């Protein structure tokens, strides 16, 4: 079912489809983060990826809860956007030899993922409220807040350490 599929007939259908999209994405991210941790050479970056892996596992659990609260089966639908972001990150990472430059590339890739997640969660929070599902909106907002915090931490790490080291 594509985003503009005839299977989406209502705002509720759209909400569920987007939940399925981010569910797929979060599960892909759980699989990708260990590789990013392994490739990172900066200890603070490794730790940031490790911390975010645990947060992302919690995000999946929260989505399971939102699906349950909404009375819908927790399952993902293919998300070409996250597949493309992760594929691009893997390609770029495979082309970088200098570990300091690789760390900068890994942060850029991680932030592309964070920005995608923020768009999805922001939309889901708004739609949940429109649908009168403040209970779902509250859980989704917690995840959105964590995604924003992770993005901020990555920016700080890039600007204060990683990018400076990569530019040497």
N, C-alpha and C. Protein backbone atom coordinates (compact mmCIF):
# COMPACT_ATOMS: atom_id res chain seq x y z
N UNK A 1 0.86 -1.18 0.00
CA UNK A 1 0.00 0.00 0.00
C UNK A 1 0.89 1.23 0.00
N UNK A 2 0.88 2.01 -1.08
CA UNK A 2 1.64 3.23 -1.16
C UNK A 2 0.93 4.36 -0.45
N UNK A 3 1.64 5.46 -0.23
CA UNK A 3 1.07 6.59 0.50
C UNK A 3 -0.17 7.13 -0.19
N UNK A 4 -0.21 7.09 -1.50
CA UNK A 4 -1.35 7.62 -2.23
C UNK A 4 -2.24 6.50 -2.76
N UNK A 5 -2.26 5.43 -2.01
CA UNK A 5 -3.05 4.25 -2.37
C UNK A 5 -4.53 4.48 -2.13
N UNK A 6 -5.32 3.78 -2.89
CA UNK A 6 -6.78 3.83 -2.70
C UNK A 6 -7.18 3.13 -1.40
N UNK A 7 -6.23 2.38 -0.78
CA UNK A 7 -6.52 1.71 0.48
C UNK A 7 -6.65 2.72 1.63
N UNK A 8 -6.15 3.92 1.44
CA UNK A 8 -6.24 4.95 2.46
C UNK A 8 -7.48 5.79 2.15
N UNK A 9 -8.49 5.57 2.97
CA UNK A 9 -9.77 6.23 2.71
C UNK A 9 -10.13 7.28 3.77
N UNK A 10 -9.42 7.25 4.88
CA UNK A 10 -9.76 8.16 5.98
C UNK A 10 -8.50 8.65 6.67
N UNK A 11 -8.66 9.65 7.51
CA UNK A 11 -7.53 10.15 8.29
C UNK A 11 -6.99 9.04 9.20
N UNK A 12 -7.88 8.21 9.71
CA UNK A 12 -7.44 7.10 10.55
C UNK A 12 -6.58 6.12 9.74
N UNK A 13 -6.99 5.82 8.51
CA UNK A 13 -6.18 4.96 7.64
C UNK A 13 -4.79 5.57 7.40
N UNK A 14 -4.78 6.86 7.18
CA UNK A 14 -3.51 7.56 6.95
C UNK A 14 -2.64 7.52 8.19
N UNK A 15 -3.24 7.73 9.35
CA UNK A 15 -2.52 7.66 10.62
C UNK A 15 -1.89 6.27 10.80
N UNK A 16 -2.67 5.23 10.59
CA UNK A 16 -2.17 3.86 10.77
C UNK A 16 -1.06 3.57 9.75
N UNK A 17 -1.26 3.99 8.51
CA UNK A 17 -0.23 3.76 7.49
C UNK A 17 1.08 4.43 7.89
N UNK A 18 1.01 5.63 8.40
CA UNK A 18 2.22 6.36 8.80
C UNK A 18 2.85 5.73 10.04
N UNK A 19 2.03 5.21 10.95
CA UNK A 19 2.57 4.43 12.07
C UNK A 19 3.34 3.22 11.56
N UNK A 20 2.77 2.54 10.56
CA UNK A 20 3.43 1.37 9.98
C UNK A 20 4.75 1.75 9.31
N UNK A 21 4.76 2.91 8.68
CA UNK A 21 5.96 3.42 8.02
C UNK A 21 7.07 3.65 9.04
N UNK A 22 6.76 4.35 10.12
CA UNK A 22 7.80 4.66 11.10
C UNK A 22 8.18 3.41 11.90
N UNK A 23 7.27 2.48 12.04
CA UNK A 23 7.57 1.21 12.71
C UNK A 23 8.63 0.45 11.91
N UNK A 24 8.42 0.39 10.61
CA UNK A 24 9.41 -0.23 9.72
C UNK A 24 10.75 0.50 9.86
N UNK A 25 10.70 1.83 9.82
CA UNK A 25 11.91 2.64 9.88
C UNK A 25 12.66 2.41 11.19
N UNK A 26 11.95 2.44 12.30
CA UNK A 26 12.61 2.25 13.60
C UNK A 26 13.26 0.88 13.69
N UNK A 27 12.61 -0.14 13.17
CA UNK A 27 13.20 -1.48 13.18
C UNK A 27 14.44 -1.56 12.30
N UNK A 28 14.44 -0.86 11.18
CA UNK A 28 15.63 -0.81 10.31
C UNK A 28 16.77 -0.09 11.02
N UNK A 29 16.44 0.96 11.76
CA UNK A 29 17.44 1.74 12.48
C UNK A 29 18.07 0.90 13.59
N UNK A 30 17.26 0.10 14.28
CA UNK A 30 17.79 -0.80 15.31
C UNK A 30 18.84 -1.73 14.69
N UNK A 31 18.62 -2.16 13.46
CA UNK A 31 19.57 -3.05 12.79
C UNK A 31 20.81 -2.31 12.28
N UNK A 32 20.66 -1.02 11.93
CA UNK A 32 21.76 -0.26 11.35
C UNK A 32 22.71 0.33 12.41
N UNK A 33 22.19 0.67 13.56
CA UNK A 33 23.01 1.35 14.57
C UNK A 33 24.22 0.55 15.05
N UNK A 34 24.13 -0.75 15.25
CA UNK A 34 25.34 -1.47 15.67
C UNK A 34 26.50 -1.34 14.67
N UNK A 35 26.20 -1.34 13.39
CA UNK A 35 27.24 -1.16 12.38
C UNK A 35 27.84 0.24 12.47
N UNK A 36 26.98 1.23 12.68
CA UNK A 36 27.48 2.61 12.83
C UNK A 36 28.37 2.72 14.06
N UNK A 37 27.98 2.07 15.15
CA UNK A 37 28.80 2.07 16.37
C UNK A 37 30.16 1.45 16.08
N UNK A 38 30.16 0.37 15.35
CA UNK A 38 31.40 -0.34 15.04
C UNK A 38 32.32 0.52 14.17
N UNK A 39 31.75 1.26 13.22
CA UNK A 39 32.55 2.06 12.30
C UNK A 39 33.07 3.35 12.92
N UNK A 40 32.38 3.86 13.94
CA UNK A 40 32.79 5.12 14.56
C UNK A 40 34.11 4.93 15.31
N UNK A 41 35.00 5.92 15.19
CA UNK A 41 36.26 5.86 15.92
C UNK A 41 36.25 6.79 17.13
N UNK A 42 35.46 7.85 17.08
CA UNK A 42 35.38 8.79 18.19
C UNK A 42 34.59 8.13 19.33
N UNK A 43 35.19 8.05 20.53
CA UNK A 43 34.50 7.39 21.65
C UNK A 43 33.15 8.04 22.01
N UNK A 44 33.07 9.34 21.94
CA UNK A 44 31.81 10.03 22.26
C UNK A 44 30.74 9.69 21.21
N UNK A 45 31.15 9.55 19.97
CA UNK A 45 30.20 9.20 18.91
C UNK A 45 29.73 7.75 19.10
N UNK A 46 30.66 6.85 19.40
CA UNK A 46 30.27 5.46 19.68
C UNK A 46 29.24 5.42 20.80
N UNK A 47 29.49 6.18 21.86
CA UNK A 47 28.58 6.20 23.00
C UNK A 47 27.22 6.79 22.60
N UNK A 48 27.24 7.84 21.79
CA UNK A 48 25.98 8.45 21.33
C UNK A 48 25.15 7.44 20.53
N UNK A 49 25.81 6.68 19.66
CA UNK A 49 25.11 5.66 18.88
C UNK A 49 24.57 4.54 19.79
N UNK A 50 25.36 4.15 20.79
CA UNK A 50 24.92 3.12 21.72
C UNK A 50 23.69 3.59 22.51
N UNK A 51 23.76 4.82 22.99
CA UNK A 51 22.62 5.39 23.72
C UNK A 51 21.39 5.44 22.84
N UNK A 52 21.58 5.86 21.58
CA UNK A 52 20.43 5.98 20.69
C UNK A 52 19.88 4.62 20.29
N UNK A 53 20.72 3.61 20.26
CA UNK A 53 20.22 2.26 19.99
C UNK A 53 19.21 1.87 21.07
N UNK A 54 19.56 2.10 22.32
CA UNK A 54 18.64 1.76 23.42
C UNK A 54 17.37 2.60 23.35
N UNK A 55 17.51 3.88 23.00
CA UNK A 55 16.33 4.73 22.84
C UNK A 55 15.45 4.22 21.70
N UNK A 56 16.08 3.82 20.61
CA UNK A 56 15.33 3.35 19.44
C UNK A 56 14.57 2.06 19.77
N UNK A 57 15.19 1.19 20.54
CA UNK A 57 14.48 0.00 20.99
C UNK A 57 13.24 0.40 21.81
N UNK A 58 13.38 1.43 22.62
CA UNK A 58 12.22 1.94 23.37
C UNK A 58 11.19 2.56 22.44
N UNK A 59 11.65 3.19 21.36
CA UNK A 59 10.72 3.79 20.39
C UNK A 59 9.85 2.69 19.75
N UNK A 60 10.47 1.57 19.44
CA UNK A 60 9.72 0.44 18.87
C UNK A 60 8.68 -0.05 19.88
N UNK A 61 9.09 -0.16 21.14
CA UNK A 61 8.16 -0.60 22.19
C UNK A 61 7.01 0.40 22.34
N UNK A 62 7.31 1.69 22.26
CA UNK A 62 6.24 2.70 22.33
C UNK A 62 5.29 2.58 21.16
N UNK A 63 5.85 2.34 19.97
CA UNK A 63 4.98 2.16 18.80
C UNK A 63 4.10 0.93 18.97
N UNK A 64 4.65 -0.15 19.52
CA UNK A 64 3.84 -1.33 19.82
C UNK A 64 2.66 -0.93 20.70
N UNK A 65 2.93 -0.08 21.69
CA UNK A 65 1.88 0.37 22.61
C UNK A 65 0.85 1.24 21.89
N UNK A 66 1.31 2.12 21.00
CA UNK A 66 0.38 2.97 20.25
C UNK A 66 -0.52 2.11 19.37
N UNK A 67 0.06 1.14 18.69
CA UNK A 67 -0.75 0.22 17.88
C UNK A 67 -1.80 -0.47 18.77
N UNK A 68 -1.35 -0.98 19.93
CA UNK A 68 -2.27 -1.66 20.84
C UNK A 68 -3.39 -0.73 21.29
N UNK A 69 -3.04 0.47 21.71
CA UNK A 69 -4.04 1.44 22.17
C UNK A 69 -5.03 1.78 21.06
N UNK A 70 -4.53 1.79 19.84
CA UNK A 70 -5.37 2.15 18.68
C UNK A 70 -6.17 0.95 18.15
N UNK A 71 -5.87 -0.23 18.70
CA UNK A 71 -6.60 -1.42 18.27
C UNK A 71 -6.19 -1.94 16.91
N UNK A 72 -4.91 -1.74 16.59
CA UNK A 72 -4.39 -2.13 15.28
C UNK A 72 -3.16 -3.03 15.47
N UNK A 73 -3.01 -3.99 14.59
CA UNK A 73 -1.85 -4.88 14.62
C UNK A 73 -0.57 -4.08 14.38
N UNK A 74 0.44 -4.33 15.20
CA UNK A 74 1.74 -3.69 15.02
C UNK A 74 2.49 -4.38 13.88
N UNK A 75 2.66 -3.66 12.80
CA UNK A 75 3.43 -4.19 11.67
C UNK A 75 3.92 -3.01 10.84
N UNK A 76 4.99 -3.26 10.12
CA UNK A 76 5.55 -2.23 9.28
C UNK A 76 5.12 -2.36 7.84
N UNK A 77 5.28 -1.28 7.12
CA UNK A 77 5.14 -1.29 5.66
C UNK A 77 6.45 -0.74 5.11
N UNK A 78 6.83 -1.21 3.94
CA UNK A 78 8.08 -0.75 3.35
C UNK A 78 8.16 0.77 3.37
N UNK A 79 9.34 1.25 3.72
CA UNK A 79 9.58 2.68 3.79
C UNK A 79 10.79 2.99 2.89
N UNK A 80 10.53 3.31 1.62
CA UNK A 80 11.65 3.58 0.71
C UNK A 80 12.51 4.75 1.17
N UNK A 81 11.94 5.69 1.90
CA UNK A 81 12.72 6.84 2.36
C UNK A 81 13.83 6.40 3.31
N UNK A 82 13.50 5.63 4.33
CA UNK A 82 14.53 5.21 5.28
C UNK A 82 15.49 4.23 4.63
N UNK A 83 14.97 3.37 3.74
CA UNK A 83 15.86 2.47 3.01
C UNK A 83 16.90 3.27 2.23
N UNK A 84 16.46 4.33 1.57
CA UNK A 84 17.37 5.17 0.79
C UNK A 84 18.38 5.90 1.65
N UNK A 85 17.93 6.44 2.78
CA UNK A 85 18.84 7.15 3.68
C UNK A 85 19.91 6.21 4.21
N UNK A 86 19.51 5.02 4.62
CA UNK A 86 20.47 4.04 5.16
C UNK A 86 21.39 3.54 4.06
N UNK A 87 20.86 3.29 2.88
CA UNK A 87 21.69 2.84 1.75
C UNK A 87 22.74 3.89 1.40
N UNK A 88 22.32 5.14 1.35
CA UNK A 88 23.26 6.22 1.05
C UNK A 88 24.35 6.31 2.12
N UNK A 89 23.97 6.18 3.37
CA UNK A 89 24.94 6.23 4.46
C UNK A 89 25.96 5.10 4.33
N UNK A 90 25.50 3.91 3.98
CA UNK A 90 26.41 2.77 3.81
C UNK A 90 27.36 3.00 2.65
N UNK A 91 26.86 3.58 1.56
CA UNK A 91 27.71 3.86 0.40
C UNK A 91 28.79 4.88 0.75
N UNK A 92 28.39 5.97 1.39
CA UNK A 92 29.35 7.03 1.75
C UNK A 92 30.37 6.48 2.74
N UNK A 93 29.90 5.75 3.74
CA UNK A 93 30.82 5.21 4.75
C UNK A 93 31.82 4.25 4.12
N UNK A 94 31.41 3.54 3.10
CA UNK A 94 32.31 2.61 2.43
C UNK A 94 33.37 3.30 1.59
N UNK A 95 33.18 4.59 1.30
CA UNK A 95 34.12 5.33 0.46
C UNK A 95 35.11 6.17 1.26
N UNK A 96 34.95 6.26 2.58
CA UNK A 96 35.78 7.13 3.41
C UNK A 96 36.83 6.30 4.12
N UNK A 97 38.11 6.65 3.90
CA UNK A 97 39.20 5.90 4.52
C UNK A 97 39.64 6.50 5.85
N UNK A 98 39.71 7.84 5.94
CA UNK A 98 40.16 8.51 7.15
C UNK A 98 39.08 8.34 8.24
N UNK A 99 39.42 7.72 9.36
CA UNK A 99 38.41 7.48 10.40
C UNK A 99 37.79 8.76 10.96
N UNK A 100 38.53 9.86 10.96
CA UNK A 100 37.97 11.12 11.46
C UNK A 100 36.93 11.67 10.50
N UNK A 101 37.20 11.54 9.21
CA UNK A 101 36.25 11.98 8.19
C UNK A 101 35.04 11.04 8.19
N UNK A 102 35.29 9.76 8.41
CA UNK A 102 34.20 8.79 8.49
C UNK A 102 33.26 9.15 9.64
N UNK A 103 33.81 9.57 10.78
CA UNK A 103 32.96 9.98 11.90
C UNK A 103 32.04 11.14 11.51
N UNK A 104 32.59 12.11 10.78
CA UNK A 104 31.77 13.23 10.31
C UNK A 104 30.67 12.74 9.36
N UNK A 105 31.01 11.80 8.50
CA UNK A 105 30.01 11.24 7.58
C UNK A 105 28.94 10.46 8.33
N UNK A 106 29.34 9.74 9.36
CA UNK A 106 28.38 8.98 10.15
C UNK A 106 27.40 9.90 10.88
N UNK A 107 27.90 11.02 11.39
CA UNK A 107 27.00 11.98 12.04
C UNK A 107 26.02 12.54 11.02
N UNK A 108 26.50 12.88 9.85
CA UNK A 108 25.61 13.42 8.81
C UNK A 108 24.53 12.41 8.46
N UNK A 109 24.92 11.15 8.34
CA UNK A 109 23.95 10.10 8.02
C UNK A 109 22.94 9.93 9.15
N UNK A 110 23.44 9.93 10.37
CA UNK A 110 22.54 9.78 11.53
C UNK A 110 21.56 10.94 11.61
N UNK A 111 22.03 12.13 11.29
CA UNK A 111 21.12 13.28 11.34
C UNK A 111 20.08 13.24 10.23
N UNK A 112 20.43 12.69 9.09
CA UNK A 112 19.43 12.51 8.03
C UNK A 112 18.31 11.59 8.53
N UNK A 113 18.69 10.54 9.24
CA UNK A 113 17.71 9.63 9.82
C UNK A 113 16.87 10.37 10.86
N UNK A 114 17.53 11.11 11.75
CA UNK A 114 16.81 11.85 12.80
C UNK A 114 15.80 12.82 12.20
N UNK A 115 16.19 13.51 11.17
CA UNK A 115 15.29 14.49 10.56
C UNK A 115 14.08 13.81 9.92
N UNK A 116 14.30 12.66 9.31
CA UNK A 116 13.18 11.91 8.76
C UNK A 116 12.23 11.49 9.88
N UNK A 117 12.80 10.97 10.96
CA UNK A 117 11.96 10.53 12.08
C UNK A 117 11.17 11.70 12.67
N UNK A 118 11.81 12.84 12.77
CA UNK A 118 11.12 14.00 13.33
C UNK A 118 9.92 14.41 12.48
N UNK A 119 10.06 14.32 11.16
CA UNK A 119 8.92 14.68 10.31
C UNK A 119 7.77 13.70 10.53
N UNK A 120 8.09 12.42 10.62
CA UNK A 120 7.05 11.41 10.81
C UNK A 120 6.38 11.56 12.18
N UNK A 121 7.17 11.68 13.23
CA UNK A 121 6.59 11.78 14.57
C UNK A 121 5.82 13.08 14.75
N UNK A 122 6.31 14.17 14.19
CA UNK A 122 5.57 15.43 14.28
C UNK A 122 4.21 15.33 13.63
N UNK A 123 4.18 14.71 12.48
CA UNK A 123 2.91 14.49 11.77
C UNK A 123 1.99 13.58 12.56
N UNK A 124 2.54 12.49 13.08
CA UNK A 124 1.72 11.55 13.84
C UNK A 124 1.13 12.17 15.10
N UNK A 125 1.90 13.01 15.78
CA UNK A 125 1.38 13.70 16.97
C UNK A 125 0.19 14.57 16.58
N UNK A 126 0.35 15.34 15.51
CA UNK A 126 -0.73 16.23 15.07
C UNK A 126 -1.96 15.43 14.66
N UNK A 127 -1.77 14.35 13.92
CA UNK A 127 -2.90 13.55 13.46
C UNK A 127 -3.58 12.84 14.63
N UNK A 128 -2.80 12.33 15.58
CA UNK A 128 -3.39 11.67 16.74
C UNK A 128 -4.30 12.65 17.49
N UNK A 129 -3.86 13.87 17.64
CA UNK A 129 -4.69 14.89 18.31
C UNK A 129 -5.96 15.16 17.51
N UNK A 130 -5.83 15.26 16.20
CA UNK A 130 -7.00 15.49 15.34
C UNK A 130 -8.01 14.36 15.47
N UNK A 131 -7.49 13.15 15.64
CA UNK A 131 -8.36 11.97 15.75
C UNK A 131 -8.88 11.78 17.18
N UNK A 132 -8.54 12.71 18.06
CA UNK A 132 -9.00 12.61 19.45
C UNK A 132 -8.24 11.57 20.25
N UNK A 133 -7.05 11.23 19.80
CA UNK A 133 -6.24 10.22 20.47
C UNK A 133 -5.06 10.87 21.18
N UNK A 134 -5.37 11.67 22.20
CA UNK A 134 -4.32 12.33 22.96
C UNK A 134 -3.44 11.33 23.68
N UNK A 135 -3.98 10.16 24.02
CA UNK A 135 -3.18 9.11 24.65
C UNK A 135 -2.05 8.68 23.70
N UNK A 136 -2.39 8.48 22.44
CA UNK A 136 -1.38 8.12 21.43
C UNK A 136 -0.44 9.30 21.18
N UNK A 137 -1.00 10.49 21.10
CA UNK A 137 -0.18 11.69 20.86
C UNK A 137 0.86 11.86 21.95
N UNK A 138 0.50 11.61 23.19
CA UNK A 138 1.45 11.77 24.31
C UNK A 138 2.64 10.82 24.17
N UNK A 139 2.39 9.57 23.82
CA UNK A 139 3.49 8.61 23.63
C UNK A 139 4.36 9.00 22.44
N UNK A 140 3.72 9.38 21.35
CA UNK A 140 4.46 9.77 20.15
C UNK A 140 5.28 11.04 20.41
N UNK A 141 4.76 11.96 21.22
CA UNK A 141 5.48 13.19 21.56
C UNK A 141 6.75 12.89 22.35
N UNK A 142 6.70 11.90 23.24
CA UNK A 142 7.90 11.50 23.99
C UNK A 142 9.00 11.09 23.03
N UNK A 143 8.63 10.31 22.03
CA UNK A 143 9.63 9.87 21.06
C UNK A 143 10.12 11.05 20.23
N UNK A 144 9.21 11.92 19.81
CA UNK A 144 9.62 13.10 19.04
C UNK A 144 10.62 13.92 19.85
N UNK A 145 10.35 14.12 21.11
CA UNK A 145 11.27 14.89 21.97
C UNK A 145 12.64 14.23 22.05
N UNK A 146 12.67 12.91 22.14
CA UNK A 146 13.95 12.19 22.18
C UNK A 146 14.70 12.29 20.85
N UNK A 147 13.96 12.24 19.75
CA UNK A 147 14.61 12.37 18.43
C UNK A 147 15.24 13.76 18.29
N UNK A 148 14.55 14.78 18.74
CA UNK A 148 15.08 16.14 18.69
C UNK A 148 16.32 16.27 19.57
N UNK A 149 16.27 15.66 20.75
CA UNK A 149 17.42 15.72 21.67
C UNK A 149 18.63 15.01 21.07
N UNK A 150 18.40 13.88 20.42
CA UNK A 150 19.50 13.15 19.78
C UNK A 150 20.11 13.99 18.67
N UNK A 151 19.28 14.61 17.86
CA UNK A 151 19.77 15.47 16.79
C UNK A 151 20.62 16.61 17.36
N UNK A 152 20.16 17.19 18.44
CA UNK A 152 20.90 18.29 19.08
C UNK A 152 22.26 17.80 19.61
N UNK A 153 22.28 16.62 20.22
CA UNK A 153 23.53 16.05 20.73
C UNK A 153 24.50 15.77 19.58
N UNK A 154 23.98 15.25 18.47
CA UNK A 154 24.85 14.98 17.33
C UNK A 154 25.40 16.27 16.74
N UNK A 155 24.58 17.30 16.67
CA UNK A 155 25.06 18.60 16.18
C UNK A 155 26.18 19.13 17.06
N UNK A 156 25.96 19.07 18.37
CA UNK A 156 26.97 19.55 19.31
C UNK A 156 28.27 18.76 19.18
N UNK A 157 28.16 17.45 19.07
CA UNK A 157 29.33 16.60 18.91
C UNK A 157 30.06 16.93 17.61
N UNK A 158 29.31 17.13 16.55
CA UNK A 158 29.92 17.47 15.26
C UNK A 158 30.65 18.81 15.34
N UNK A 159 29.99 19.81 15.89
CA UNK A 159 30.56 21.16 15.89
C UNK A 159 31.70 21.35 16.88
N UNK A 160 31.69 20.61 17.98
CA UNK A 160 32.72 20.81 19.00
C UNK A 160 33.91 19.86 18.88
N UNK A 161 33.74 18.73 18.18
CA UNK A 161 34.82 17.75 18.12
C UNK A 161 35.01 17.15 16.74
N UNK A 162 34.02 16.43 16.28
CA UNK A 162 34.19 15.56 15.13
C UNK A 162 34.54 16.32 13.86
N UNK A 163 33.81 17.37 13.54
CA UNK A 163 34.10 18.11 12.32
C UNK A 163 35.46 18.79 12.39
N UNK A 164 35.84 19.27 13.56
CA UNK A 164 37.14 19.90 13.73
C UNK A 164 38.27 18.88 13.49
N UNK A 165 38.10 17.70 14.04
CA UNK A 165 39.10 16.64 13.84
C UNK A 165 39.15 16.21 12.38
N UNK A 166 38.00 16.12 11.74
CA UNK A 166 37.95 15.70 10.34
C UNK A 166 38.62 16.72 9.42
N UNK A 167 38.56 17.99 9.80
CA UNK A 167 39.12 19.04 8.96
C UNK A 167 40.63 19.20 9.11
N UNK A 168 41.23 18.56 10.12
CA UNK A 168 42.69 18.69 10.35
C UNK A 168 43.49 18.09 9.23
